N, C-alpha and C. Protein backbone atom coordinates (compact mmCIF):
# COMPACT_ATOMS: atom_id res chain seq x y z
N MET A 1 53.85 -42.53 77.13
CA MET A 1 53.24 -42.12 75.88
C MET A 1 53.97 -42.81 74.73
N SER A 2 53.23 -43.37 73.80
CA SER A 2 53.85 -44.10 72.71
C SER A 2 54.54 -43.15 71.73
N LYS A 3 55.49 -43.68 71.02
CA LYS A 3 56.26 -42.89 70.07
C LYS A 3 55.36 -42.31 68.98
N SER A 4 54.38 -43.09 68.50
CA SER A 4 53.50 -42.61 67.43
C SER A 4 52.59 -41.49 67.91
N VAL A 5 52.12 -41.54 69.15
CA VAL A 5 51.30 -40.47 69.70
C VAL A 5 52.12 -39.19 69.80
N THR A 6 53.36 -39.31 70.21
CA THR A 6 54.25 -38.15 70.31
C THR A 6 54.48 -37.53 68.93
N ALA A 7 54.68 -38.35 67.90
CA ALA A 7 54.88 -37.84 66.54
C ALA A 7 53.63 -37.11 66.04
N VAL A 8 52.46 -37.65 66.29
CA VAL A 8 51.21 -37.01 65.88
C VAL A 8 51.05 -35.68 66.60
N GLN A 9 51.34 -35.66 67.90
CA GLN A 9 51.24 -34.40 68.64
C GLN A 9 52.21 -33.37 68.07
N ALA A 10 53.41 -33.78 67.70
CA ALA A 10 54.39 -32.87 67.12
C ALA A 10 53.89 -32.32 65.78
N ASN A 11 53.24 -33.17 64.98
CA ASN A 11 52.71 -32.71 63.70
C ASN A 11 51.67 -31.61 63.88
N PHE A 12 50.85 -31.72 64.92
CA PHE A 12 49.79 -30.74 65.14
C PHE A 12 50.26 -29.50 65.88
N ARG A 13 51.41 -29.56 66.54
CA ARG A 13 51.90 -28.42 67.32
C ARG A 13 52.20 -27.23 66.41
N ASN A 14 51.54 -26.12 66.64
CA ASN A 14 51.72 -24.90 65.84
C ASN A 14 51.58 -25.16 64.34
N ALA A 15 50.70 -26.05 63.99
CA ALA A 15 50.58 -26.50 62.60
C ALA A 15 49.91 -25.46 61.72
N LYS A 16 50.56 -25.22 60.59
CA LYS A 16 50.04 -24.31 59.58
C LYS A 16 50.18 -24.98 58.22
N VAL A 17 49.21 -24.70 57.35
CA VAL A 17 49.26 -25.18 55.98
C VAL A 17 49.04 -24.00 55.06
N LEU A 18 49.82 -23.95 54.00
CA LEU A 18 49.67 -22.93 52.98
C LEU A 18 48.97 -23.56 51.78
N ILE A 19 47.87 -22.95 51.36
CA ILE A 19 47.17 -23.40 50.16
C ILE A 19 47.34 -22.32 49.10
N VAL A 20 47.88 -22.73 47.96
CA VAL A 20 48.04 -21.82 46.83
C VAL A 20 46.94 -22.19 45.84
N GLU A 21 45.91 -21.37 45.81
CA GLU A 21 44.70 -21.67 45.02
C GLU A 21 44.14 -20.37 44.48
N ASP A 22 43.97 -20.28 43.16
CA ASP A 22 43.48 -19.04 42.56
C ASP A 22 41.98 -19.06 42.25
N ASP A 23 41.34 -20.20 42.33
CA ASP A 23 39.92 -20.31 42.00
C ASP A 23 39.08 -20.08 43.26
N GLU A 24 38.33 -18.98 43.25
CA GLU A 24 37.55 -18.59 44.43
C GLU A 24 36.49 -19.63 44.79
N ASP A 25 35.82 -20.21 43.80
CA ASP A 25 34.79 -21.22 44.07
C ASP A 25 35.41 -22.46 44.72
N GLN A 26 36.56 -22.90 44.20
CA GLN A 26 37.25 -24.04 44.80
C GLN A 26 37.65 -23.70 46.24
N TRP A 27 38.14 -22.48 46.44
CA TRP A 27 38.59 -22.07 47.76
C TRP A 27 37.48 -22.15 48.79
N VAL A 28 36.28 -21.72 48.42
CA VAL A 28 35.16 -21.76 49.36
C VAL A 28 34.89 -23.20 49.81
N LEU A 29 34.86 -24.13 48.87
CA LEU A 29 34.65 -25.54 49.21
C LEU A 29 35.79 -26.08 50.07
N MET A 30 37.02 -25.73 49.68
CA MET A 30 38.19 -26.21 50.41
C MET A 30 38.19 -25.72 51.85
N ASP A 31 37.92 -24.45 52.02
CA ASP A 31 37.95 -23.86 53.35
C ASP A 31 36.91 -24.51 54.27
N GLN A 32 35.71 -24.70 53.77
CA GLN A 32 34.65 -25.32 54.58
C GLN A 32 35.00 -26.77 54.93
N ALA A 33 35.49 -27.52 53.98
CA ALA A 33 35.87 -28.92 54.23
C ALA A 33 37.06 -28.98 55.18
N TRP A 34 38.01 -28.06 55.00
CA TRP A 34 39.19 -28.02 55.87
C TRP A 34 38.78 -27.83 57.33
N GLN A 35 37.88 -26.88 57.56
CA GLN A 35 37.45 -26.59 58.93
C GLN A 35 36.81 -27.82 59.58
N GLN A 36 36.12 -28.62 58.82
CA GLN A 36 35.49 -29.82 59.37
C GLN A 36 36.51 -30.95 59.62
N CYS A 37 37.51 -31.04 58.77
CA CYS A 37 38.46 -32.17 58.87
C CYS A 37 39.74 -31.84 59.63
N LEU A 38 40.20 -30.63 59.53
CA LEU A 38 41.49 -30.24 60.11
C LEU A 38 41.42 -28.86 60.75
N GLY A 39 40.33 -28.60 61.45
CA GLY A 39 40.11 -27.29 62.04
C GLY A 39 41.18 -26.82 63.00
N GLU A 40 41.93 -27.76 63.60
CA GLU A 40 42.97 -27.37 64.54
C GLU A 40 44.27 -26.94 63.86
N VAL A 41 44.31 -27.05 62.54
CA VAL A 41 45.49 -26.65 61.77
C VAL A 41 45.17 -25.32 61.09
N THR A 42 46.03 -24.33 61.31
CA THR A 42 45.84 -23.01 60.73
C THR A 42 46.04 -23.07 59.23
N LEU A 43 45.09 -22.52 58.51
CA LEU A 43 45.11 -22.53 57.06
C LEU A 43 45.36 -21.11 56.55
N ARG A 44 46.27 -21.00 55.59
CA ARG A 44 46.57 -19.71 54.96
C ARG A 44 46.47 -19.89 53.47
N ARG A 45 45.69 -19.04 52.83
CA ARG A 45 45.53 -19.13 51.38
C ARG A 45 46.19 -17.95 50.70
N VAL A 46 46.86 -18.25 49.58
CA VAL A 46 47.42 -17.24 48.71
C VAL A 46 46.96 -17.60 47.30
N SER A 47 46.67 -16.59 46.48
CA SER A 47 46.07 -16.89 45.18
C SER A 47 46.93 -16.58 43.96
N SER A 48 48.16 -16.11 44.17
CA SER A 48 49.01 -15.80 43.01
C SER A 48 50.47 -16.13 43.31
N LEU A 49 51.23 -16.34 42.25
CA LEU A 49 52.65 -16.66 42.38
C LEU A 49 53.43 -15.53 43.05
N PRO A 50 53.28 -14.26 42.64
CA PRO A 50 54.03 -13.20 43.32
C PRO A 50 53.71 -13.11 44.82
N ALA A 51 52.44 -13.26 45.16
CA ALA A 51 52.05 -13.17 46.57
C ALA A 51 52.64 -14.31 47.40
N VAL A 52 52.63 -15.51 46.86
CA VAL A 52 53.15 -16.65 47.62
C VAL A 52 54.67 -16.58 47.74
N MET A 53 55.35 -16.11 46.72
CA MET A 53 56.81 -16.00 46.82
C MET A 53 57.21 -14.93 47.82
N SER A 54 56.48 -13.84 47.85
CA SER A 54 56.73 -12.80 48.84
C SER A 54 56.52 -13.34 50.26
N LEU A 55 55.46 -14.08 50.43
CA LEU A 55 55.15 -14.66 51.74
C LEU A 55 56.24 -15.64 52.18
N LEU A 56 56.70 -16.50 51.28
CA LEU A 56 57.75 -17.46 51.65
C LEU A 56 59.07 -16.76 51.98
N GLU A 57 59.39 -15.70 51.26
CA GLU A 57 60.60 -14.94 51.58
C GLU A 57 60.49 -14.34 52.99
N GLU A 58 59.33 -13.82 53.31
CA GLU A 58 59.09 -13.26 54.64
C GLU A 58 59.21 -14.36 55.70
N TRP A 59 58.58 -15.49 55.43
CA TRP A 59 58.61 -16.60 56.39
C TRP A 59 60.00 -17.19 56.56
N HIS A 60 60.82 -17.10 55.53
CA HIS A 60 62.19 -17.60 55.64
C HIS A 60 62.92 -16.93 56.79
N HIS A 61 62.57 -15.69 57.05
CA HIS A 61 63.20 -14.93 58.14
C HIS A 61 62.40 -14.98 59.44
N GLN A 62 61.21 -15.54 59.37
CA GLN A 62 60.37 -15.70 60.55
C GLN A 62 59.91 -17.16 60.59
N GLU A 63 60.83 -18.04 60.95
CA GLU A 63 60.59 -19.48 60.82
C GLU A 63 59.36 -19.98 61.56
N TRP A 64 58.95 -19.30 62.61
CA TRP A 64 57.78 -19.75 63.36
C TRP A 64 56.50 -19.64 62.53
N GLU A 65 56.55 -18.92 61.42
CA GLU A 65 55.39 -18.77 60.55
C GLU A 65 55.34 -19.82 59.44
N LEU A 66 56.41 -20.57 59.25
CA LEU A 66 56.46 -21.53 58.15
C LEU A 66 55.37 -22.60 58.26
N PRO A 67 54.78 -22.94 57.12
CA PRO A 67 53.79 -24.03 57.14
C PRO A 67 54.49 -25.38 57.20
N LYS A 68 53.78 -26.38 57.69
CA LYS A 68 54.32 -27.74 57.71
C LYS A 68 54.03 -28.47 56.40
N LEU A 69 53.14 -27.89 55.59
CA LEU A 69 52.73 -28.51 54.34
C LEU A 69 52.23 -27.41 53.40
N ILE A 70 52.47 -27.60 52.10
CA ILE A 70 51.97 -26.67 51.09
C ILE A 70 51.11 -27.46 50.12
N LEU A 71 49.90 -26.98 49.88
CA LEU A 71 49.01 -27.54 48.86
C LEU A 71 49.02 -26.57 47.69
N LEU A 72 49.47 -27.03 46.55
CA LEU A 72 49.67 -26.17 45.39
C LEU A 72 48.75 -26.56 44.25
N ASP A 73 47.89 -25.63 43.84
CA ASP A 73 47.13 -25.80 42.61
C ASP A 73 48.12 -25.57 41.48
N LEU A 74 48.33 -26.56 40.64
CA LEU A 74 49.32 -26.45 39.58
C LEU A 74 48.99 -25.33 38.61
N TYR A 75 47.73 -25.15 38.31
CA TYR A 75 47.31 -24.15 37.33
C TYR A 75 46.93 -22.85 38.04
N LEU A 76 47.81 -21.85 37.94
CA LEU A 76 47.62 -20.57 38.66
C LEU A 76 47.47 -19.37 37.73
N PRO A 77 46.78 -19.19 36.75
CA PRO A 77 45.87 -20.13 36.12
C PRO A 77 46.57 -21.07 35.15
N GLY A 78 47.74 -20.70 34.66
CA GLY A 78 48.49 -21.61 33.78
C GLY A 78 49.46 -22.43 34.59
N LYS A 79 49.82 -23.61 34.09
CA LYS A 79 50.69 -24.49 34.86
C LYS A 79 52.13 -23.98 34.96
N GLU A 80 52.54 -23.07 34.10
CA GLU A 80 53.90 -22.55 34.19
C GLU A 80 54.13 -21.85 35.54
N ALA A 81 53.11 -21.17 36.05
CA ALA A 81 53.24 -20.52 37.35
C ALA A 81 53.44 -21.56 38.45
N GLY A 82 52.72 -22.67 38.37
CA GLY A 82 52.89 -23.75 39.35
C GLY A 82 54.29 -24.34 39.29
N TRP A 83 54.80 -24.57 38.08
CA TRP A 83 56.16 -25.11 37.95
C TRP A 83 57.18 -24.12 38.49
N GLN A 84 57.00 -22.82 38.20
CA GLN A 84 57.92 -21.80 38.71
C GLN A 84 57.94 -21.80 40.23
N PHE A 85 56.76 -21.87 40.83
CA PHE A 85 56.69 -21.88 42.29
C PHE A 85 57.43 -23.09 42.85
N LEU A 86 57.16 -24.26 42.32
CA LEU A 86 57.79 -25.48 42.80
C LEU A 86 59.31 -25.39 42.69
N GLN A 87 59.81 -24.92 41.56
CA GLN A 87 61.25 -24.80 41.36
C GLN A 87 61.86 -23.77 42.31
N LYS A 88 61.19 -22.66 42.51
CA LYS A 88 61.72 -21.63 43.41
C LYS A 88 61.77 -22.12 44.86
N VAL A 89 60.73 -22.80 45.29
CA VAL A 89 60.72 -23.31 46.67
C VAL A 89 61.83 -24.33 46.87
N LYS A 90 61.99 -25.23 45.93
CA LYS A 90 63.01 -26.28 46.07
C LYS A 90 64.43 -25.71 45.99
N ALA A 91 64.59 -24.49 45.46
CA ALA A 91 65.90 -23.84 45.39
C ALA A 91 66.18 -22.95 46.60
N MET A 92 65.21 -22.79 47.48
CA MET A 92 65.38 -21.94 48.66
C MET A 92 66.19 -22.68 49.73
N PRO A 93 66.65 -21.98 50.77
CA PRO A 93 67.37 -22.64 51.85
C PRO A 93 66.56 -23.80 52.42
N SER A 94 67.23 -24.76 53.03
CA SER A 94 66.59 -26.01 53.44
C SER A 94 65.39 -25.81 54.36
N ILE A 95 65.37 -24.79 55.17
CA ILE A 95 64.23 -24.59 56.07
C ILE A 95 62.94 -24.47 55.27
N VAL A 96 62.99 -23.91 54.09
CA VAL A 96 61.82 -23.76 53.23
C VAL A 96 61.72 -24.92 52.24
N SER A 97 62.83 -25.30 51.64
CA SER A 97 62.79 -26.32 50.58
C SER A 97 62.38 -27.70 51.08
N LEU A 98 62.48 -27.95 52.39
CA LEU A 98 62.08 -29.24 52.93
C LEU A 98 60.58 -29.36 53.23
N ILE A 99 59.85 -28.26 53.11
CA ILE A 99 58.41 -28.33 53.36
C ILE A 99 57.79 -29.22 52.29
N PRO A 100 57.06 -30.26 52.68
CA PRO A 100 56.41 -31.11 51.68
C PRO A 100 55.39 -30.31 50.87
N ILE A 101 55.42 -30.52 49.56
CA ILE A 101 54.49 -29.85 48.66
C ILE A 101 53.63 -30.90 47.98
N ILE A 102 52.33 -30.72 48.08
CA ILE A 102 51.37 -31.60 47.41
C ILE A 102 50.74 -30.79 46.29
N ILE A 103 50.90 -31.28 45.09
CA ILE A 103 50.24 -30.65 43.95
C ILE A 103 48.86 -31.25 43.84
N HIS A 104 47.87 -30.38 43.69
CA HIS A 104 46.54 -30.87 43.35
C HIS A 104 46.09 -30.15 42.09
N SER A 105 45.53 -30.94 41.19
CA SER A 105 45.15 -30.41 39.90
C SER A 105 43.90 -31.14 39.42
N SER A 106 43.10 -30.45 38.64
CA SER A 106 41.93 -31.12 38.08
C SER A 106 42.29 -31.89 36.82
N ALA A 107 43.52 -31.77 36.38
CA ALA A 107 43.97 -32.46 35.17
C ALA A 107 45.03 -33.51 35.51
N PRO A 108 44.65 -34.79 35.59
CA PRO A 108 45.63 -35.83 35.91
C PRO A 108 46.43 -36.26 34.68
N MET A 109 47.17 -35.33 34.12
CA MET A 109 47.95 -35.61 32.91
C MET A 109 49.27 -36.27 33.30
N GLN A 110 49.59 -37.37 32.62
CA GLN A 110 50.81 -38.14 32.93
C GLN A 110 52.06 -37.27 32.90
N ALA A 111 52.17 -36.39 31.92
CA ALA A 111 53.36 -35.54 31.81
C ALA A 111 53.49 -34.62 33.04
N ASP A 112 52.36 -34.08 33.50
CA ASP A 112 52.38 -33.22 34.68
C ASP A 112 52.75 -34.01 35.93
N ILE A 113 52.23 -35.21 36.06
CA ILE A 113 52.53 -36.05 37.22
C ILE A 113 54.02 -36.38 37.26
N ILE A 114 54.56 -36.79 36.14
CA ILE A 114 55.99 -37.13 36.07
C ILE A 114 56.85 -35.91 36.38
N LYS A 115 56.52 -34.78 35.76
CA LYS A 115 57.31 -33.56 35.99
C LYS A 115 57.23 -33.11 37.45
N SER A 116 56.05 -33.21 38.04
CA SER A 116 55.91 -32.76 39.43
C SER A 116 56.82 -33.55 40.36
N TYR A 117 56.88 -34.86 40.18
CA TYR A 117 57.76 -35.66 41.03
C TYR A 117 59.23 -35.40 40.72
N SER A 118 59.55 -35.18 39.47
CA SER A 118 60.95 -34.91 39.13
C SER A 118 61.42 -33.57 39.70
N LEU A 119 60.50 -32.65 39.93
CA LEU A 119 60.84 -31.35 40.52
C LEU A 119 60.77 -31.34 42.04
N GLY A 120 60.42 -32.47 42.64
CA GLY A 120 60.50 -32.57 44.09
C GLY A 120 59.20 -32.51 44.86
N THR A 121 58.07 -32.63 44.18
CA THR A 121 56.81 -32.63 44.93
C THR A 121 56.69 -33.92 45.74
N SER A 122 55.95 -33.86 46.82
CA SER A 122 55.77 -35.03 47.68
C SER A 122 54.60 -35.89 47.25
N ALA A 123 53.63 -35.28 46.57
CA ALA A 123 52.46 -36.02 46.10
C ALA A 123 51.75 -35.23 45.02
N TYR A 124 51.03 -35.95 44.18
CA TYR A 124 50.20 -35.34 43.13
C TYR A 124 48.81 -35.92 43.30
N LEU A 125 47.84 -35.07 43.59
CA LEU A 125 46.47 -35.52 43.82
C LEU A 125 45.52 -34.82 42.86
N VAL A 126 44.49 -35.56 42.45
CA VAL A 126 43.46 -34.97 41.59
C VAL A 126 42.46 -34.25 42.48
N LYS A 127 42.15 -33.01 42.10
CA LYS A 127 41.23 -32.17 42.88
C LYS A 127 39.82 -32.75 42.88
N PRO A 128 39.18 -32.74 44.03
CA PRO A 128 37.77 -33.10 44.09
C PRO A 128 36.92 -32.05 43.38
N VAL A 129 35.68 -32.42 43.08
CA VAL A 129 34.81 -31.47 42.38
C VAL A 129 33.65 -30.98 43.23
N ASP A 130 33.31 -31.69 44.30
CA ASP A 130 32.20 -31.22 45.14
C ASP A 130 32.58 -31.30 46.61
N PHE A 131 31.72 -30.78 47.46
CA PHE A 131 32.02 -30.68 48.88
C PHE A 131 32.26 -32.04 49.54
N ALA A 132 31.44 -33.03 49.23
CA ALA A 132 31.60 -34.36 49.83
C ALA A 132 32.96 -34.95 49.47
N GLU A 133 33.41 -34.74 48.24
CA GLU A 133 34.73 -35.24 47.84
C GLU A 133 35.85 -34.47 48.54
N TRP A 134 35.64 -33.16 48.77
CA TRP A 134 36.65 -32.40 49.52
C TRP A 134 36.76 -32.90 50.96
N LEU A 135 35.63 -33.27 51.56
CA LEU A 135 35.67 -33.84 52.92
C LEU A 135 36.50 -35.12 52.93
N THR A 136 36.28 -35.98 51.95
CA THR A 136 37.07 -37.22 51.85
C THR A 136 38.54 -36.90 51.63
N TYR A 137 38.81 -35.98 50.74
CA TYR A 137 40.18 -35.56 50.40
C TYR A 137 40.93 -35.10 51.64
N PHE A 138 40.31 -34.17 52.41
CA PHE A 138 40.99 -33.65 53.59
C PHE A 138 41.01 -34.66 54.74
N GLY A 139 40.03 -35.54 54.80
CA GLY A 139 40.07 -36.62 55.79
C GLY A 139 41.25 -37.55 55.54
N GLU A 140 41.48 -37.88 54.27
CA GLU A 140 42.62 -38.72 53.91
C GLU A 140 43.93 -37.98 54.10
N LEU A 141 43.93 -36.69 53.78
CA LEU A 141 45.13 -35.87 54.00
C LEU A 141 45.49 -35.86 55.47
N ARG A 142 44.49 -35.70 56.32
CA ARG A 142 44.71 -35.71 57.77
C ARG A 142 45.29 -37.06 58.21
N ALA A 143 44.66 -38.13 57.76
CA ALA A 143 45.10 -39.47 58.18
C ALA A 143 46.56 -39.72 57.79
N TYR A 144 46.94 -39.31 56.60
CA TYR A 144 48.31 -39.59 56.16
C TYR A 144 49.30 -38.54 56.67
N TRP A 145 49.10 -37.28 56.32
CA TRP A 145 50.10 -36.24 56.61
C TRP A 145 50.15 -35.79 58.05
N TRP A 146 49.07 -35.96 58.81
CA TRP A 146 49.06 -35.48 60.18
C TRP A 146 49.08 -36.60 61.21
N GLU A 147 48.52 -37.78 60.87
CA GLU A 147 48.41 -38.85 61.85
C GLU A 147 49.30 -40.06 61.55
N THR A 148 49.92 -40.11 60.36
CA THR A 148 50.75 -41.27 60.00
C THR A 148 52.23 -40.91 59.89
N VAL A 149 52.56 -39.96 59.03
CA VAL A 149 53.96 -39.60 58.84
C VAL A 149 54.43 -38.66 59.94
N THR A 150 55.73 -38.52 60.07
CA THR A 150 56.32 -37.53 60.95
C THR A 150 56.84 -36.41 60.07
N LEU A 151 56.30 -35.24 60.25
CA LEU A 151 56.72 -34.09 59.46
C LEU A 151 58.00 -33.50 60.03
N PRO A 152 58.84 -32.89 59.16
CA PRO A 152 60.08 -32.32 59.67
C PRO A 152 59.80 -31.13 60.58
N PRO A 153 60.64 -30.93 61.60
CA PRO A 153 60.47 -29.75 62.45
C PRO A 153 60.80 -28.51 61.63
N MET A 154 60.12 -27.42 61.88
CA MET A 154 60.36 -26.18 61.17
C MET A 154 61.25 -25.29 62.03
N SER A 155 62.57 -25.51 61.91
CA SER A 155 63.51 -24.66 62.66
C SER A 155 64.83 -24.64 61.92
N TYR A 156 65.62 -23.64 62.20
CA TYR A 156 66.91 -23.51 61.54
C TYR A 156 67.90 -24.57 61.99
N GLY A 157 67.53 -25.36 62.97
CA GLY A 157 68.44 -26.38 63.47
C GLY A 157 68.51 -27.61 62.59
N LEU A 158 67.94 -27.56 61.37
CA LEU A 158 67.96 -28.72 60.49
C LEU A 158 69.35 -29.03 60.01
């Protein structure tokens, strides 16, 4: 078995993704597109900063529940909540702080892009607006994050 096939298999093993999204209409489109593009990856949605921080604290003690990737809507509904979340995650123990975070926002503002990378985000993507664009978005996400890169193992042995 080739090394790249093994890495891809490891990425998909017990794979979970956390989506932090407060817009119900966006969520419906995202969930449907996700199931078509990455149905084998368990998706968990949280819609508020307090709920997601509580969940991450819980997962910190139950490492088998940790997601391999976090998709963060920067505006929850204001961007300050998104910045708070990003800063809190990056300040947590390494098992949590190493989870790649992708910010997606409908506002591609240069200041937000620069700040997101300075705070440790792995990528900044502009949110799609319709279902066909979400399919493309998650297809590309799959190709890069699940089939190209090797994601860190989620265990205390880091």
